[in-house]
C-alpha atoms as a PDB file:
ATOM      1  CA  UNK A   1      -5.073 -17.384  -6.351  1.00  0.00           C
ATOM      2  CA  UNK A   2      -2.160 -15.190  -5.253  1.00  0.00           C
ATOM      3  CA  UNK A   3      -1.415 -13.465  -1.973  1.00  0.00           C
ATOM      4  CA  UNK A   4      -0.915  -9.839  -2.904  1.00  0.00           C
ATOM      5  CA  UNK A   5       0.336  -6.807  -1.008  1.00  0.00           C
ATOM      6  CA  UNK A   6      -0.899  -3.364  -2.052  1.00  0.00           C
ATOM      7  CA  UNK A   7       0.504   0.006  -0.927  1.00  0.00           C
ATOM      8  CA  UNK A   8      -2.061   2.730  -0.295  1.00  0.00           C
ATOM      9  CA  UNK A   9      -1.221   6.423  -0.066  1.00  0.00           C
ATOM     10  CA  UNK A  10      -2.880   9.809  -0.296  1.00  0.00           C
ATOM     11  CA  UNK A  11      -1.986  13.420   0.394  1.00  0.00           C
ATOM     12  CA  UNK A  12      -4.940  15.296  -1.144  1.00  0.00           C
ATOM     13  CA  UNK A  13      -8.629  15.802  -0.418  1.00  0.00           C
ATOM     14  CA  UNK A  14      -8.931  14.201   3.010  1.00  0.00           C
ATOM     15  CA  UNK A  15      -6.317  11.441   2.701  1.00  0.00           C
ATOM     16  CA  UNK A  16      -7.843   9.215   5.400  1.00  0.00           C
ATOM     17  CA  UNK A  17     -11.177   9.301   3.621  1.00  0.00           C
ATOM     18  CA  UNK A  18      -9.505   8.543   0.281  1.00  0.00           C
ATOM     19  CA  UNK A  19      -7.898   5.424   1.771  1.00  0.00           C
ATOM     20  CA  UNK A  20     -11.154   4.328   3.412  1.00  0.00           C
ATOM     21  CA  UNK A  21     -12.926   4.619   0.059  1.00  0.00           C
ATOM     22  CA  UNK A  22     -10.153   2.690  -1.693  1.00  0.00           C
ATOM     23  CA  UNK A  23     -10.343  -0.186   0.804  1.00  0.00           C
ATOM     24  CA  UNK A  24     -14.118  -0.311   0.419  1.00  0.00           C
ATOM     25  CA  UNK A  25     -13.768  -0.363  -3.386  1.00  0.00           C
ATOM     26  CA  UNK A  26     -11.135  -3.123  -3.262  1.00  0.00           C
ATOM     27  CA  UNK A  27     -13.404  -5.276  -1.102  1.00  0.00           C
ATOM     28  CA  UNK A  28     -16.168  -5.090  -3.723  1.00  0.00           C
ATOM     29  CA  UNK A  29     -13.977  -6.509  -6.499  1.00  0.00           C
ATOM     30  CA  UNK A  30     -15.136  -9.992  -7.466  1.00  0.00           C
ATOM     31  CA  UNK A  31     -11.588 -11.375  -7.524  1.00  0.00           C
ATOM     32  CA  UNK A  32     -10.523  -9.938  -4.137  1.00  0.00           C
ATOM     33  CA  UNK A  33     -10.589 -11.583  -0.717  1.00  0.00           C
ATOM     34  CA  UNK A  34      -9.401  -9.139   1.983  1.00  0.00           C
ATOM     35  CA  UNK A  35      -6.799 -10.526   4.384  1.00  0.00           C
ATOM     36  CA  UNK A  36      -5.521  -7.593   6.421  1.00  0.00           C
ATOM     37  CA  UNK A  37      -4.585  -3.955   6.684  1.00  0.00           C
ATOM     38  CA  UNK A  38      -1.505  -2.397   8.265  1.00  0.00           C
ATOM     39  CA  UNK A  39      -1.415   0.478  10.674  1.00  0.00           C
ATOM     40  CA  UNK A  40      -1.362   3.953   9.101  1.00  0.00           C
ATOM     41  CA  UNK A  41       1.741   6.101   8.839  1.00  0.00           C
ATOM     42  CA  UNK A  42       2.342   9.753   8.056  1.00  0.00           C
ATOM     43  CA  UNK A  43       5.347  10.386   5.822  1.00  0.00           C
ATOM     44  CA  UNK A  44       6.910  13.300   4.024  1.00  0.00           C
ATOM     45  CA  UNK A  45       6.096  13.433   0.332  1.00  0.00           C
ATOM     46  CA  UNK A  46       8.662  12.066  -2.132  1.00  0.00           C
ATOM     47  CA  UNK A  47       8.474  14.254  -5.186  1.00  0.00           C
ATOM     48  CA  UNK A  48       8.698  17.727  -6.636  1.00  0.00           C
ATOM     49  CA  UNK A  49       7.755  20.963  -4.914  1.00  0.00           C
ATOM     50  CA  UNK A  50       6.162  21.456  -1.542  1.00  0.00           C
ATOM     51  CA  UNK A  51       3.528  18.824  -0.871  1.00  0.00           C
ATOM     52  CA  UNK A  52       1.410  17.845   2.095  1.00  0.00           C
ATOM     53  CA  UNK A  53       2.452  14.752   4.041  1.00  0.00           C
ATOM     54  CA  UNK A  54       1.074  11.399   2.947  1.00  0.00           C
ATOM     55  CA  UNK A  55      -1.008   8.912   4.840  1.00  0.00           C
ATOM     56  CA  UNK A  56       0.426   5.491   3.914  1.00  0.00           C
ATOM     57  CA  UNK A  57      -0.409   1.902   4.671  1.00  0.00           C
ATOM     58  CA  UNK A  58      -0.647  -1.510   3.066  1.00  0.00           C
ATOM     59  CA  UNK A  59      -3.264  -4.174   2.515  1.00  0.00           C
ATOM     60  CA  UNK A  60      -2.945  -7.917   2.013  1.00  0.00           C
ATOM     61  CA  UNK A  61      -5.441  -9.804  -0.116  1.00  0.00           C
ATOM     62  CA  UNK A  62      -5.985 -12.940  -2.106  1.00  0.00           C
ATOM     63  CA  UNK A  63      -6.415 -12.136  -5.799  1.00  0.00           C
ATOM     64  CA  UNK A  64      -8.107 -14.665  -8.053  1.00  0.00           C
ATOM     65  CA  UNK A  65      -7.118 -13.207 -11.458  1.00  0.00           C
ATOM     66  CA  UNK A  66      -3.992 -11.972 -13.239  1.00  0.00           C
ATOM     67  CA  UNK A  67      -1.614  -9.263 -12.063  1.00  0.00           C
ATOM     68  CA  UNK A  68      -2.523  -7.192 -15.118  1.00  0.00           C
ATOM     69  CA  UNK A  69      -6.219  -7.408 -14.197  1.00  0.00           C
ATOM     70  CA  UNK A  70      -5.363  -6.256 -10.674  1.00  0.00           C
ATOM     71  CA  UNK A  71      -3.374  -3.324 -12.062  1.00  0.00           C
ATOM     72  CA  UNK A  72      -6.356  -2.312 -14.189  1.00  0.00           C
ATOM     73  CA  UNK A  73      -8.690  -2.572 -11.197  1.00  0.00           C
ATOM     74  CA  UNK A  74      -6.372  -0.451  -9.027  1.00  0.00           C
ATOM     75  CA  UNK A  75      -6.029   2.205 -11.713  1.00  0.00           C
ATOM     76  CA  UNK A  76      -9.800   2.281 -12.115  1.00  0.00           C
ATOM     77  CA  UNK A  77     -10.221   2.871  -8.361  1.00  0.00           C
ATOM     78  CA  UNK A  78      -7.586   5.627  -8.470  1.00  0.00           C
ATOM     79  CA  UNK A  79      -9.348   7.287 -11.418  1.00  0.00           C
ATOM     80  CA  UNK A  80     -12.752   7.076  -9.712  1.00  0.00           C
ATOM     81  CA  UNK A  81     -11.231   8.932  -6.773  1.00  0.00           C
ATOM     82  CA  UNK A  82      -9.870  11.759  -8.925  1.00  0.00           C
ATOM     83  CA  UNK A  83      -6.296  10.621  -9.496  1.00  0.00           C
ATOM     84  CA  UNK A  84      -4.495  12.596 -12.181  1.00  0.00           C
ATOM     85  CA  UNK A  85      -1.108  11.683 -13.613  1.00  0.00           C
ATOM     86  CA  UNK A  86       0.199  15.062 -14.762  1.00  0.00           C
ATOM     87  CA  UNK A  87       3.382  15.253 -12.610  1.00  0.00           C
ATOM     88  CA  UNK A  88       5.544  12.253 -11.720  1.00  0.00           C
ATOM     89  CA  UNK A  89       5.542  11.776  -7.939  1.00  0.00           C
ATOM     90  CA  UNK A  90       3.241  14.778  -7.632  1.00  0.00           C
ATOM     91  CA  UNK A  91       0.477  15.125  -5.044  1.00  0.00           C
ATOM     92  CA  UNK A  92      -2.410  12.714  -5.468  1.00  0.00           C
ATOM     93  CA  UNK A  93      -5.788  11.837  -4.132  1.00  0.00           C
ATOM     94  CA  UNK A  94      -4.886   8.167  -4.178  1.00  0.00           C
ATOM     95  CA  UNK A  95      -1.925   5.975  -5.018  1.00  0.00           C
ATOM     96  CA  UNK A  96      -2.386   2.195  -5.146  1.00  0.00           C
ATOM     97  CA  UNK A  97       0.692   0.134  -5.983  1.00  0.00           C
ATOM     98  CA  UNK A  98       1.144  -3.611  -6.301  1.00  0.00           C
ATOM     99  CA  UNK A  99       4.095  -4.338  -4.023  1.00  0.00           C
ATOM    100  CA  UNK A 100       4.127  -8.124  -4.275  1.00  0.00           C
ATOM    101  CA  UNK A 101       2.082 -10.595  -6.289  1.00  0.00           C
ATOM    102  CA  UNK A 102       2.684 -13.982  -4.699  1.00  0.00           C
ATOM    103  CA  UNK A 103       6.241 -15.026  -5.477  1.00  0.00           C
ATOM    104  CA  UNK A 104       5.996 -13.696  -9.029  1.00  0.00           C
ATOM    105  CA  UNK A 105       8.606 -11.490 -10.616  1.00  0.00           C
ATOM    106  CA  UNK A 106       6.923  -9.410 -13.309  1.00  0.00           C
ATOM    107  CA  UNK A 107       8.639  -6.996 -15.674  1.00  0.00           C
ATOM    108  CA  UNK A 108       6.427  -5.720 -18.457  1.00  0.00           C
ATOM    109  CA  UNK A 109       5.957  -2.341 -20.095  1.00  0.00           C
ATOM    110  CA  UNK A 110       3.131  -1.538 -17.666  1.00  0.00           C
ATOM    111  CA  UNK A 111       3.968  -3.448 -14.486  1.00  0.00           C
ATOM    112  CA  UNK A 112       7.051  -4.248 -12.411  1.00  0.00           C
ATOM    113  CA  UNK A 113       6.658  -6.525  -9.387  1.00  0.00           C
ATOM    114  CA  UNK A 114       8.086  -6.549  -6.800  1.00  0.00           C
ATOM    115  CA  UNK A 115       7.613  -2.782  -6.790  1.00  0.00           C
ATOM    116  CA  UNK A 116      10.928  -1.330  -8.031  1.00  0.00           C
ATOM    117  CA  UNK A 117      11.397   1.066  -5.088  1.00  0.00           C
ATOM    118  CA  UNK A 118       9.991  -1.151  -2.343  1.00  0.00           C
ATOM    119  CA  UNK A 119      13.369  -1.605  -0.595  1.00  0.00           C
ATOM    120  CA  UNK A 120      14.085   2.147  -0.426  1.00  0.00           C
ATOM    121  CA  UNK A 121      10.802   3.340   1.057  1.00  0.00           C
ATOM    122  CA  UNK A 122      10.249   3.120   4.782  1.00  0.00           C
ATOM    123  CA  UNK A 123       6.582   4.074   4.272  1.00  0.00           C
ATOM    124  CA  UNK A 124       6.226   0.755   2.422  1.00  0.00           C
ATOM    125  CA  UNK A 125       8.519  -1.473   4.495  1.00  0.00           C
ATOM    126  CA  UNK A 126       6.974  -0.738   7.891  1.00  0.00           C
ATOM    127  CA  UNK A 127       3.367  -1.321   6.768  1.00  0.00           C
ATOM    128  CA  UNK A 128       4.467  -4.573   5.069  1.00  0.00           C
ATOM    129  CA  UNK A 129       6.064  -5.656   8.318  1.00  0.00           C
ATOM    130  CA  UNK A 130       2.801  -4.937  10.134  1.00  0.00           C
ATOM    131  CA  UNK A 131       1.126  -7.425   7.806  1.00  0.00           C
ATOM    132  CA  UNK A 132       3.846 -10.090   7.742  1.00  0.00           C
ATOM    133  CA  UNK A 133       7.072  -9.526   9.670  1.00  0.00           C
ATOM    134  CA  UNK A 134       8.436 -12.869   8.388  1.00  0.00           C
ATOM    135  CA  UNK A 135       7.900 -11.988   4.724  1.00  0.00           C
ATOM    136  CA  UNK A 136      10.492 -13.233   2.224  1.00  0.00           C
ATOM    137  CA  UNK A 137      10.576 -11.402  -1.102  1.00  0.00           C
ATOM    138  CA  UNK A 138      10.736 -13.284  -4.408  1.00  0.00           C
ATOM    139  CA  UNK A 139      14.503 -12.607  -4.621  1.00  0.00           C
ATOM    140  CA  UNK A 140      14.816 -14.437  -1.265  1.00  0.00           C
ATOM    141  CA  UNK A 141      15.583 -11.252   0.697  1.00  0.00           C
ATOM    142  CA  UNK A 142      13.925 -11.171   4.088  1.00  0.00           C
ATOM    143  CA  UNK A 143      11.823  -8.115   4.864  1.00  0.00           C
ATOM    144  CA  UNK A 144      13.610  -8.018   8.242  1.00  0.00           C
ATOM    145  CA  UNK A 145      16.910  -7.490   6.402  1.00  0.00           C
ATOM    146  CA  UNK A 146      15.494  -4.549   4.462  1.00  0.00           C
ATOM    147  CA  UNK A 147      14.164  -3.037   7.687  1.00  0.00           C
ATOM    148  CA  UNK A 148      17.606  -3.339   9.292  1.00  0.00           C
ATOM    149  CA  UNK A 149      18.978  -1.114   6.505  1.00  0.00           C
ATOM    150  CA  UNK A 150      16.066   1.314   6.679  1.00  0.00           C
ATOM    151  CA  UNK A 151      15.266   3.959   9.223  1.00  0.00           C
ATOM    152  CA  UNK A 152      12.023   5.482  10.309  1.00  0.00           C
ATOM    153  CA  UNK A 153      13.098   9.113   9.744  1.00  0.00           C
ATOM    154  CA  UNK A 154      10.092  11.157   8.716  1.00  0.00           C
ATOM    155  CA  UNK A 155       7.736   8.265   9.397  1.00  0.00           C
ATOM    156  CA  UNK A 156       5.183   8.519  12.194  1.00  0.00           C
ATOM    157  CA  UNK A 157       2.269   6.383  13.249  1.00  0.00           C
ATOM    158  CA  UNK A 158      -0.994   8.165  12.639  1.00  0.00           C
ATOM    159  CA  UNK A 159      -3.004   8.661  15.814  1.00  0.00           C
ATOM    160  CA  UNK A 160      -6.170   6.606  16.156  1.00  0.00           C
ATOM    161  CA  UNK A 161      -8.310   9.718  15.767  1.00  0.00           C
ATOM    162  CA  UNK A 162      -6.733  10.579  12.395  1.00  0.00           C
ATOM    163  CA  UNK A 163      -6.387   7.014  11.083  1.00  0.00           C
ATOM    164  CA  UNK A 164      -8.559   5.810   8.241  1.00  0.00           C
ATOM    165  CA  UNK A 165     -11.517   3.752   9.404  1.00  0.00           C
ATOM    166  CA  UNK A 166     -11.244   0.131   8.332  1.00  0.00           C
ATOM    167  CA  UNK A 167     -14.274  -0.991   6.288  1.00  0.00           C
ATOM    168  CA  UNK A 168     -16.099  -4.041   7.716  1.00  0.00           C
ATOM    169  CA  UNK A 169     -14.921  -6.353   4.902  1.00  0.00           C
ATOM    170  CA  UNK A 170     -11.332  -5.776   6.044  1.00  0.00           C
ATOM    171  CA  UNK A 171     -11.857  -5.436   9.788  1.00  0.00           C
ATOM    172  CA  UNK A 172     -12.572  -9.137  10.303  1.00  0.00           C
ATOM    173  CA  UNK A 173      -9.217 -10.050   8.755  1.00  0.00           C
ATOM    174  CA  UNK A 174      -7.046  -7.698  10.816  1.00  0.00           C
ATOM    175  CA  UNK A 175      -4.592  -8.958  13.373  1.00  0.00           C
ATOM    176  CA  UNK A 176      -2.981  -6.535  15.781  1.00  0.00           C
ATOM    177  CA  UNK A 177       0.623  -5.781  14.792  1.00  0.00           C
ATOM    178  CA  UNK A 178       3.461  -5.418  17.270  1.00  0.00           C
ATOM    179  CA  UNK A 179       4.830  -2.038  18.287  1.00  0.00           C
ATOM    180  CA  UNK A 180       6.888  -0.191  15.682  1.00  0.00           C
ATOM    181  CA  UNK A 181       7.829   3.485  15.142  1.00  0.00           C
END
């Protein structure tokens, strides 16, 4: 069993609803035990052309199978929700990324963990901090150190009214995070 952190993002077709559906789908996976969900953030899109803002967050879970099996499960959820991969960093209905898989460092043709751009993306760092502000990455870098070198430009908390609704399987695991941007 590994403690895993997943990034969730969407900027198409009712992003809050897309994230709600993804959390519900994750909770139904046989190898998944939900642990917690971050607050939700609005961020400017990273990618080509003019895109709508993203709704971003993160989830923590225990995973009882391999990282490759988790990747396949996440891609299946993305596909079920209409994800297409025609333009790199293009708009998407759903983006699910494995940020951390326990203390593992994975570098295969299909999967790199920790996520290769984790340290450069405030829309990943702040949700991770909501889940575990004392987190130490596999390379022994403290999440707090990464946050000190990050800023919250273009990152805003999503108001309660516009936030995704947390499915019941996740709600019981949530702890209230401290105040951030």
